[in-house]
Amino acid sequence: MKKEKHQYPGAGDQRWVDMARSLNDCRAILVSGVGENPKTILNSCNVHVIEMTGLIDDGLDGVYNNKPIRSIAKPDAFKCGSGCKGNAQGCA
């Protein structure tokens, strides 16, 4: 498989579109944290992003059996700290 030039940090929005293409057969992805931009792009490409805490088995049970999934208590629980020097194009 040929590696696309966009599959590295700093490739902007295209890296999320590329990821969505590779996940097109997934029902959902379970994550402990995600930025608003990647979440918006992945959702717009029909990749359902679920932020959750707890055990992966509980998340899978929720996805496959339509049960509640425990979510993060604070929406900003995974935001970068004050020392972050990134520019929203990947960690720096």
PDB file of N, CA and C in Angstrom:
ATOM      1  N   MET A   1       0.845  -1.174   0.000  1.00  0.00           N
ATOM      2  CA  MET A   1       0.000   0.000   0.000  1.00  0.00           C
ATOM      3  C   MET A   1       0.890   1.236   0.000  1.00  0.00           C
ATOM      4  N   LYS A   2       0.645   2.138  -0.905  1.00  0.00           N
ATOM      5  CA  LYS A   2       1.416   3.367  -1.006  1.00  0.00           C
ATOM      6  C   LYS A   2       1.021   4.321   0.121  1.00  0.00           C
ATOM      7  N   LYS A   3       2.032   4.826   0.828  1.00  0.00           N
ATOM      8  CA  LYS A   3       1.777   5.751   1.915  1.00  0.00           C
ATOM      9  C   LYS A   3       1.529   7.139   1.342  1.00  0.00           C
ATOM     10  N   GLU A   4       0.411   7.748   1.739  1.00  0.00           N
ATOM     11  CA  GLU A   4       0.087   9.083   1.256  1.00  0.00           C
ATOM     12  C   GLU A   4       0.936  10.108   1.981  1.00  0.00           C
ATOM     13  N   LYS A   5       1.233  11.206   1.316  1.00  0.00           N
ATOM     14  CA  LYS A   5       2.095  12.227   1.893  1.00  0.00           C
ATOM     15  C   LYS A   5       1.471  12.927   3.094  1.00  0.00           C
ATOM     16  N   HIS A   6       0.170  12.761   3.312  1.00  0.00           N
ATOM     17  CA  HIS A   6      -0.522  13.472   4.390  1.00  0.00           C
ATOM     18  C   HIS A   6      -0.537  12.705   5.706  1.00  0.00           C
ATOM     19  N   GLN A   7       0.053  11.532   5.785  1.00  0.00           N
ATOM     20  CA  GLN A   7      -0.063  10.719   6.988  1.00  0.00           C
ATOM     21  C   GLN A   7       1.090  10.981   7.954  1.00  0.00           C
ATOM     22  N   TYR A   8       1.205  12.201   8.414  1.00  0.00           N
ATOM     23  CA  TYR A   8       2.187  12.576   9.419  1.00  0.00           C
ATOM     24  C   TYR A   8       1.682  13.809  10.146  1.00  0.00           C
ATOM     25  N   PRO A   9       2.154  14.026  11.391  1.00  0.00           N
ATOM     26  CA  PRO A   9       1.705  15.211  12.128  1.00  0.00           C
ATOM     27  C   PRO A   9       2.012  16.492  11.358  1.00  0.00           C
ATOM     28  N   GLY A  10       1.108  17.433  11.426  1.00  0.00           N
ATOM     29  CA  GLY A  10       1.303  18.703  10.752  1.00  0.00           C
ATOM     30  C   GLY A  10       0.699  18.751   9.356  1.00  0.00           C
ATOM     31  N   ALA A  11      -0.022  17.708   8.952  1.00  0.00           N
ATOM     32  CA  ALA A  11      -0.607  17.669   7.610  1.00  0.00           C
ATOM     33  C   ALA A  11      -1.969  18.353   7.557  1.00  0.00           C
ATOM     34  N   GLY A  12      -2.380  18.977   8.651  1.00  0.00           N
ATOM     35  CA  GLY A  12      -3.649  19.692   8.657  1.00  0.00           C
ATOM     36  C   GLY A  12      -4.847  18.767   8.604  1.00  0.00           C
ATOM     37  N   ASP A  13      -5.937  19.287   8.084  1.00  0.00           N
ATOM     38  CA  ASP A  13      -7.203  18.547   8.053  1.00  0.00           C
ATOM     39  C   ASP A  13      -7.144  17.287   7.207  1.00  0.00           C
ATOM     40  N   GLN A  14      -6.296  17.256   6.211  1.00  0.00           N
ATOM     41  CA  GLN A  14      -6.247  16.110   5.307  1.00  0.00           C
ATOM     42  C   GLN A  14      -5.919  14.814   6.035  1.00  0.00           C
ATOM     43  N   ARG A  15      -5.131  14.889   7.095  1.00  0.00           N
ATOM     44  CA  ARG A  15      -4.794  13.658   7.819  1.00  0.00           C
ATOM     45  C   ARG A  15      -6.030  13.027   8.449  1.00  0.00           C
ATOM     46  N   TRP A  16      -7.009  13.861   8.869  1.00  0.00           N
ATOM     47  CA  TRP A  16      -8.237  13.320   9.464  1.00  0.00           C
ATOM     48  C   TRP A  16      -9.135  12.733   8.395  1.00  0.00           C
ATOM     49  N   VAL A  17      -9.156  13.337   7.220  1.00  0.00           N
ATOM     50  CA  VAL A  17      -9.912  12.780   6.089  1.00  0.00           C
ATOM     51  C   VAL A  17      -9.305  11.440   5.687  1.00  0.00           C
ATOM     52  N   ASP A  18      -7.958  11.372   5.635  1.00  0.00           N
ATOM     53  CA  ASP A  18      -7.284  10.118   5.304  1.00  0.00           C
ATOM     54  C   ASP A  18      -7.609   9.035   6.333  1.00  0.00           C
ATOM     55  N   MET A  19      -7.617   9.415   7.616  1.00  0.00           N
ATOM     56  CA  MET A  19      -7.941   8.453   8.660  1.00  0.00           C
ATOM     57  C   MET A  19      -9.373   7.964   8.499  1.00  0.00           C
ATOM     58  N   ALA A  20     -10.290   8.863   8.211  1.00  0.00           N
ATOM     59  CA  ALA A  20     -11.692   8.482   8.023  1.00  0.00           C
ATOM     60  C   ALA A  20     -11.833   7.477   6.894  1.00  0.00           C
ATOM     61  N   ARG A  21     -11.083   7.666   5.823  1.00  0.00           N
ATOM     62  CA  ARG A  21     -11.125   6.709   4.703  1.00  0.00           C
ATOM     63  C   ARG A  21     -10.686   5.326   5.150  1.00  0.00           C
ATOM     64  N   SER A  22      -9.655   5.267   6.004  1.00  0.00           N
ATOM     65  CA  SER A  22      -9.160   3.964   6.446  1.00  0.00           C
ATOM     66  C   SER A  22     -10.100   3.304   7.461  1.00  0.00           C
ATOM     67  N   LEU A  23     -11.002   4.089   8.063  1.00  0.00           N
ATOM     68  CA  LEU A  23     -11.941   3.564   9.057  1.00  0.00           C
ATOM     69  C   LEU A  23     -13.358   3.427   8.516  1.00  0.00           C
ATOM     70  N   ASN A  24     -13.524   3.469   7.210  1.00  0.00           N
ATOM     71  CA  ASN A  24     -14.863   3.522   6.622  1.00  0.00           C
ATOM     72  C   ASN A  24     -15.718   2.292   6.899  1.00  0.00           C
ATOM     73  N   ASP A  25     -15.119   1.188   7.340  1.00  0.00           N
ATOM     74  CA  ASP A  25     -15.913  -0.001   7.639  1.00  0.00           C
ATOM     75  C   ASP A  25     -16.157  -0.176   9.143  1.00  0.00           C
ATOM     76  N   CYS A  26     -15.798   0.828   9.930  1.00  0.00           N
ATOM     77  CA  CYS A  26     -15.990   0.766  11.391  1.00  0.00           C
ATOM     78  C   CYS A  26     -17.331   1.381  11.790  1.00  0.00           C
ATOM     79  N   ARG A  27     -17.977   0.788  12.751  1.00  0.00           N
ATOM     80  CA  ARG A  27     -19.235   1.310  13.279  1.00  0.00           C
ATOM     81  C   ARG A  27     -18.987   2.583  14.072  1.00  0.00           C
ATOM     82  N   ALA A  28     -17.896   2.603  14.847  1.00  0.00           N
ATOM     83  CA  ALA A  28     -17.549   3.751  15.678  1.00  0.00           C
ATOM     84  C   ALA A  28     -16.094   3.605  16.108  1.00  0.00           C
ATOM     85  N   ILE A  29     -15.517   4.718  16.568  1.00  0.00           N
ATOM     86  CA  ILE A  29     -14.216   4.645  17.223  1.00  0.00           C
ATOM     87  C   ILE A  29     -14.392   5.178  18.640  1.00  0.00           C
ATOM     88  N   LEU A  30     -13.786   4.481  19.586  1.00  0.00           N
ATOM     89  CA  LEU A  30     -13.873   4.841  20.994  1.00  0.00           C
ATOM     90  C   LEU A  30     -12.549   5.482  21.390  1.00  0.00           C
ATOM     91  N   VAL A  31     -12.625   6.688  21.939  1.00  0.00           N
ATOM     92  CA  VAL A  31     -11.415   7.426  22.302  1.00  0.00           C
ATOM     93  C   VAL A  31     -11.566   8.011  23.705  1.00  0.00           C
ATOM     94  N   SER A  32     -10.432   8.255  24.350  1.00  0.00           N
ATOM     95  CA  SER A  32     -10.483   8.893  25.661  1.00  0.00           C
ATOM     96  C   SER A  32     -10.482  10.407  25.530  1.00  0.00           C
ATOM     97  N   GLY A  33     -10.076  10.912  24.389  1.00  0.00           N
ATOM     98  CA  GLY A  33     -10.082  12.344  24.145  1.00  0.00           C
ATOM     99  C   GLY A  33      -9.845  12.631  22.676  1.00  0.00           C
ATOM    100  N   VAL A  34     -10.410  13.738  22.218  1.00  0.00           N
ATOM    101  CA  VAL A  34     -10.263  14.118  20.812  1.00  0.00           C
ATOM    102  C   VAL A  34     -10.519  15.618  20.709  1.00  0.00           C
ATOM    103  N   GLY A  35      -9.803  16.269  19.822  1.00  0.00           N
ATOM    104  CA  GLY A  35     -10.036  17.685  19.581  1.00  0.00           C
ATOM    105  C   GLY A  35     -11.301  17.909  18.770  1.00  0.00           C
ATOM    106  N   GLU A  36     -11.824  19.125  18.858  1.00  0.00           N
ATOM    107  CA  GLU A  36     -13.066  19.435  18.134  1.00  0.00           C
ATOM    108  C   GLU A  36     -12.896  19.315  16.622  1.00  0.00           C
ATOM    109  N   ASN A  37     -11.779  19.781  16.083  1.00  0.00           N
ATOM    110  CA  ASN A  37     -11.578  19.734  14.641  1.00  0.00           C
ATOM    111  C   ASN A  37     -11.519  18.291  14.120  1.00  0.00           C
ATOM    112  N   PRO A  38     -10.685  17.417  14.702  1.00  0.00           N
ATOM    113  CA  PRO A  38     -10.692  16.027  14.226  1.00  0.00           C
ATOM    114  C   PRO A  38     -12.058  15.363  14.389  1.00  0.00           C
ATOM    115  N   LYS A  39     -12.718  15.619  15.516  1.00  0.00           N
ATOM    116  CA  LYS A  39     -14.032  15.009  15.753  1.00  0.00           C
ATOM    117  C   LYS A  39     -15.038  15.463  14.697  1.00  0.00           C
ATOM    118  N   THR A  40     -15.050  16.746  14.390  1.00  0.00           N
ATOM    119  CA  THR A  40     -15.969  17.286  13.378  1.00  0.00           C
ATOM    120  C   THR A  40     -15.699  16.672  12.010  1.00  0.00           C
ATOM    121  N   ILE A  41     -14.427  16.588  11.635  1.00  0.00           N
ATOM    122  CA  ILE A  41     -14.064  16.042  10.318  1.00  0.00           C
ATOM    123  C   ILE A  41     -14.410  14.562  10.242  1.00  0.00           C
ATOM    124  N   LEU A  42     -14.048  13.785  11.263  1.00  0.00           N
ATOM    125  CA  LEU A  42     -14.344  12.353  11.254  1.00  0.00           C
ATOM    126  C   LEU A  42     -15.851  12.109  11.220  1.00  0.00           C
ATOM    127  N   ASN A  43     -16.605  12.838  12.033  1.00  0.00           N
ATOM    128  CA  ASN A  43     -18.066  12.682  12.016  1.00  0.00           C
ATOM    129  C   ASN A  43     -18.649  13.052  10.661  1.00  0.00           C
ATOM    130  N   SER A  44     -18.117  14.101  10.027  1.00  0.00           N
ATOM    131  CA  SER A  44     -18.638  14.503   8.706  1.00  0.00           C
ATOM    132  C   SER A  44     -18.334  13.461   7.637  1.00  0.00           C
ATOM    133  N   CYS A  45     -17.340  12.612   7.901  1.00  0.00           N
ATOM    134  CA  CYS A  45     -16.993  11.518   6.978  1.00  0.00           C
ATOM    135  C   CYS A  45     -17.659  10.209   7.403  1.00  0.00           C
ATOM    136  N   ASN A  46     -18.688  10.314   8.247  1.00  0.00           N
ATOM    137  CA  ASN A  46     -19.469   9.159   8.721  1.00  0.00           C
ATOM    138  C   ASN A  46     -18.676   8.194   9.594  1.00  0.00           C
ATOM    139  N   VAL A  47     -17.680   8.711  10.319  1.00  0.00           N
ATOM    140  CA  VAL A  47     -16.983   7.926  11.331  1.00  0.00           C
ATOM    141  C   VAL A  47     -17.481   8.452  12.674  1.00  0.00           C
ATOM    142  N   HIS A  48     -18.259   7.643  13.386  1.00  0.00           N
ATOM    143  CA  HIS A  48     -18.864   8.036  14.649  1.00  0.00           C
ATOM    144  C   HIS A  48     -17.796   7.999  15.748  1.00  0.00           C
ATOM    145  N   VAL A  49     -17.486   9.163  16.314  1.00  0.00           N
ATOM    146  CA  VAL A  49     -16.465   9.291  17.351  1.00  0.00           C
ATOM    147  C   VAL A  49     -17.154   9.344  18.709  1.00  0.00           C
ATOM    148  N   ILE A  50     -16.762   8.444  19.609  1.00  0.00           N
ATOM    149  CA  ILE A  50     -17.336   8.385  20.943  1.00  0.00           C
ATOM    150  C   ILE A  50     -16.227   8.597  21.965  1.00  0.00           C
ATOM    151  N   GLU A  51     -16.334   9.703  22.719  1.00  0.00           N
ATOM    152  CA  GLU A  51     -15.406   9.941  23.824  1.00  0.00           C
ATOM    153  C   GLU A  51     -15.940   9.212  25.044  1.00  0.00           C
ATOM    154  N   MET A  52     -15.069   8.447  25.681  1.00  0.00           N
ATOM    155  CA  MET A  52     -15.516   7.661  26.820  1.00  0.00           C
ATOM    156  C   MET A  52     -14.391   7.459  27.819  1.00  0.00           C
ATOM    157  N   THR A  53     -14.774   7.072  29.026  1.00  0.00           N
ATOM    158  CA  THR A  53     -13.843   6.638  30.045  1.00  0.00           C
ATOM    159  C   THR A  53     -14.238   5.232  30.452  1.00  0.00           C
ATOM    160  N   GLY A  54     -13.354   4.552  31.125  1.00  0.00           N
ATOM    161  CA  GLY A  54     -13.691   3.218  31.600  1.00  0.00           C
ATOM    162  C   GLY A  54     -13.122   2.127  30.720  1.00  0.00           C
ATOM    163  N   LEU A  55     -13.702   0.956  30.837  1.00  0.00           N
ATOM    164  CA  LEU A  55     -13.214  -0.219  30.131  1.00  0.00           C
ATOM    165  C   LEU A  55     -13.719  -0.272  28.692  1.00  0.00           C
ATOM    166  N   ILE A  56     -12.852  -0.714  27.801  1.00  0.00           N
ATOM    167  CA  ILE A  56     -13.209  -0.818  26.385  1.00  0.00           C
ATOM    168  C   ILE A  56     -14.392  -1.768  26.196  1.00  0.00           C
ATOM    169  N   ASP A  57     -14.458  -2.831  26.999  1.00  0.00           N
ATOM    170  CA  ASP A  57     -15.585  -3.775  26.888  1.00  0.00           C
ATOM    171  C   ASP A  57     -16.918  -3.087  27.142  1.00  0.00           C
ATOM    172  N   ASP A  58     -16.940  -2.154  28.094  1.00  0.00           N
ATOM    173  CA  ASP A  58     -18.173  -1.406  28.355  1.00  0.00           C
ATOM    174  C   ASP A  58     -18.539  -0.528  27.164  1.00  0.00           C
ATOM    175  N   GLY A  59     -17.537   0.083  26.541  1.00  0.00           N
ATOM    176  CA  GLY A  59     -17.787   0.903  25.361  1.00  0.00           C
ATOM    177  C   GLY A  59     -18.305   0.081  24.197  1.00  0.00           C
ATOM    178  N   LEU A  60     -17.705  -1.079  23.990  1.00  0.00           N
ATOM    179  CA  LEU A  60     -18.157  -1.960  22.906  1.00  0.00           C
ATOM    180  C   LEU A  60     -19.568  -2.466  23.168  1.00  0.00           C
ATOM    181  N   ASP A  61     -19.862  -2.770  24.420  1.00  0.00           N
ATOM    182  CA  ASP A  61     -21.212  -3.198  24.783  1.00  0.00           C
ATOM    183  C   ASP A  61     -22.212  -2.088  24.459  1.00  0.00           C
ATOM    184  N   GLY A  62     -21.827  -0.858  24.731  1.00  0.00           N
ATOM    185  CA  GLY A  62     -22.691   0.273  24.407  1.00  0.00           C
ATOM    186  C   GLY A  62     -22.913   0.431  22.918  1.00  0.00           C
ATOM    187  N   VAL A  63     -21.842   0.301  22.143  1.00  0.00           N
ATOM    188  CA  VAL A  63     -21.941   0.457  20.681  1.00  0.00           C
ATOM    189  C   VAL A  63     -22.791  -0.650  20.078  1.00  0.00           C
ATOM    190  N   TYR A  64     -22.532  -1.892  20.452  1.00  0.00           N
ATOM    191  CA  TYR A  64     -23.213  -3.020  19.823  1.00  0.00           C
ATOM    192  C   TYR A  64     -24.597  -3.313  20.390  1.00  0.00           C
ATOM    193  N   ASN A  65     -24.854  -2.908  21.637  1.00  0.00           N
ATOM    194  CA  ASN A  65     -26.135  -3.228  22.272  1.00  0.00           C
ATOM    195  C   ASN A  65     -26.927  -1.992  22.665  1.00  0.00           C
ATOM    196  N   ASN A  66     -26.540  -0.848  22.128  1.00  0.00           N
ATOM    197  CA  ASN A  66     -27.249   0.406  22.361  1.00  0.00           C
ATOM    198  C   ASN A  66     -27.445   0.705  23.849  1.00  0.00           C
ATOM    199  N   LYS A  67     -26.357   0.554  24.607  1.00  0.00           N
ATOM    200  CA  LYS A  67     -26.385   0.841  26.040  1.00  0.00           C
ATOM    201  C   LYS A  67     -25.651   2.146  26.296  1.00  0.00           C
ATOM    202  N   PRO A  68     -25.923   2.789  27.438  1.00  0.00           N
ATOM    203  CA  PRO A  68     -25.219   4.042  27.754  1.00  0.00           C
ATOM    204  C   PRO A  68     -23.714   3.807  27.887  1.00  0.00           C
ATOM    205  N   ILE A  69     -22.948   4.778  27.437  1.00  0.00           N
ATOM    206  CA  ILE A  69     -21.494   4.720  27.529  1.00  0.00           C
ATOM    207  C   ILE A  69     -21.039   5.830  28.459  1.00  0.00           C
ATOM    208  N   ARG A  70     -20.223   5.469  29.435  1.00  0.00           N
ATOM    209  CA  ARG A  70     -19.717   6.445  30.392  1.00  0.00           C
ATOM    210  C   ARG A  70     -18.824   7.446  29.651  1.00  0.00           C
ATOM    211  N   SER A  71     -19.127   8.722  29.830  1.00  0.00           N
ATOM    212  CA  SER A  71     -18.371   9.743  29.117  1.00  0.00           C
ATOM    213  C   SER A  71     -17.529  10.569  30.077  1.00  0.00           C
ATOM    214  N   ILE A  72     -16.664  11.363  29.523  1.00  0.00           N
ATOM    215  CA  ILE A  72     -15.769  12.208  30.288  1.00  0.00           C
ATOM    216  C   ILE A  72     -16.578  13.253  31.042  1.00  0.00           C
ATOM    217  N   ALA A  73     -16.235  13.467  32.301  1.00  0.00           N
ATOM    218  CA  ALA A  73     -16.972  14.407  33.136  1.00  0.00           C
ATOM    219  C   ALA A  73     -16.760  15.854  32.701  1.00  0.00           C
ATOM    220  N   LYS A  74     -15.541  16.207  32.312  1.00  0.00           N
ATOM    221  CA  LYS A  74     -15.245  17.574  31.900  1.00  0.00           C
ATOM    222  C   LYS A  74     -14.942  17.593  30.412  1.00  0.00           C
ATOM    223  N   PRO A  75     -15.580  18.467  29.642  1.00  0.00           N
ATOM    224  CA  PRO A  75     -15.329  18.497  28.206  1.00  0.00           C
ATOM    225  C   PRO A  75     -13.897  18.872  27.863  1.00  0.00           C
ATOM    226  N   ASP A  76     -13.198  19.546  28.757  1.00  0.00           N
ATOM    227  CA  ASP A  76     -11.836  19.952  28.440  1.00  0.00           C
ATOM    228  C   ASP A  76     -10.799  19.105  29.172  1.00  0.00           C
ATOM    229  N   ALA A  77     -11.160  17.880  29.553  1.00  0.00           N
ATOM    230  CA  ALA A  77     -10.282  17.027  30.340  1.00  0.00           C
ATOM    231  C   ALA A  77      -8.969  16.713  29.630  1.00  0.00           C
ATOM    232  N   PHE A  78      -8.928  16.772  28.319  1.00  0.00           N
ATOM    233  CA  PHE A  78      -7.732  16.385  27.591  1.00  0.00           C
ATOM    234  C   PHE A  78      -7.139  17.511  26.767  1.00  0.00           C
ATOM    235  N   LYS A  79      -7.482  18.747  27.079  1.00  0.00           N
ATOM    236  CA  LYS A  79      -6.902  19.873  26.352  1.00  0.00           C
ATOM    237  C   LYS A  79      -5.427  20.003  26.691  1.00  0.00           C
ATOM    238  N   CYS A  80      -4.673  20.578  25.782  1.00  0.00           N
ATOM    239  CA  CYS A  80      -3.247  20.794  26.002  1.00  0.00           C
ATOM    240  C   CYS A  80      -3.042  21.696  27.219  1.00  0.00           C
ATOM    241  N   GLY A  81      -1.939  21.494  27.884  1.00  0.00           N
ATOM    242  CA  GLY A  81      -1.593  22.322  29.035  1.00  0.00           C
ATOM    243  C   GLY A  81      -1.039  23.665  28.600  1.00  0.00           C
ATOM    244  N   SER A  82      -0.755  24.506  29.579  1.00  0.00           N
ATOM    245  CA  SER A  82      -0.268  25.859  29.292  1.00  0.00           C
ATOM    246  C   SER A  82       1.092  25.844  28.620  1.00  0.00           C
ATOM    247  N   GLY A  83       1.832  24.752  28.751  1.00  0.00           N
ATOM    248  CA  GLY A  83       3.162  24.658  28.139  1.00  0.00           C
ATOM    249  C   GLY A  83       3.125  24.217  26.685  1.00  0.00           C
ATOM    250  N   CYS A  84       1.946  23.968  26.134  1.00  0.00           N
ATOM    251  CA  CYS A  84       1.837  23.507  24.758  1.00  0.00           C
ATOM    252  C   CYS A  84       2.308  24.579  23.793  1.00  0.00           C
ATOM    253  N   LYS A  85       3.152  24.190  22.868  1.00  0.00           N
ATOM    254  CA  LYS A  85       3.653  25.122  21.844  1.00  0.00           C
ATOM    255  C   LYS A  85       3.091  24.774  20.463  1.00  0.00           C
ATOM    256  N   GLY A  86       2.100  23.891  20.440  1.00  0.00           N
ATOM    257  CA  GLY A  86       1.537  23.436  19.170  1.00  0.00           C
ATOM    258  C   GLY A  86       0.718  24.512  18.478  1.00  0.00           C
ATOM    259  N   ASN A  87       0.440  24.257  17.202  1.00  0.00           N
ATOM    260  CA  ASN A  87      -0.328  25.199  16.390  1.00  0.00           C
ATOM    261  C   ASN A  87      -1.562  24.525  15.782  1.00  0.00           C
ATOM    262  N   ALA A  88      -2.081  23.515  16.487  1.00  0.00           N
ATOM    263  CA  ALA A  88      -3.252  22.753  16.031  1.00  0.00           C
ATOM    264  C   ALA A  88      -2.955  21.956  14.769  1.00  0.00           C
ATOM    265  N   GLN A  89      -1.693  21.685  14.515  1.00  0.00           N
ATOM    266  CA  GLN A  89      -1.283  20.892  13.358  1.00  0.00           C
ATOM    267  C   GLN A  89      -0.526  19.650  13.800  1.00  0.00           C
ATOM    268  N   GLY A  90      -0.721  19.232  15.008  1.00  0.00           N
ATOM    269  CA  GLY A  90      -0.024  18.080  15.564  1.00  0.00           C
ATOM    270  C   GLY A  90       0.809  18.531  16.753  1.00  0.00           C
ATOM    271  N   CYS A  91       1.125  17.598  17.611  1.00  0.00           N
ATOM    272  CA  CYS A  91       1.885  17.967  18.809  1.00  0.00           C
ATOM    273  C   CYS A  91       3.273  18.455  18.436  1.00  0.00           C
ATOM    274  N   ALA A  92       3.738  19.425  19.192  1.00  0.00           N
ATOM    275  CA  ALA A  92       5.066  19.979  18.933  1.00  0.00           C
ATOM    276  C   ALA A  92       5.981  19.706  20.101  1.00  0.00           C
TER     277      ALA A  92
END
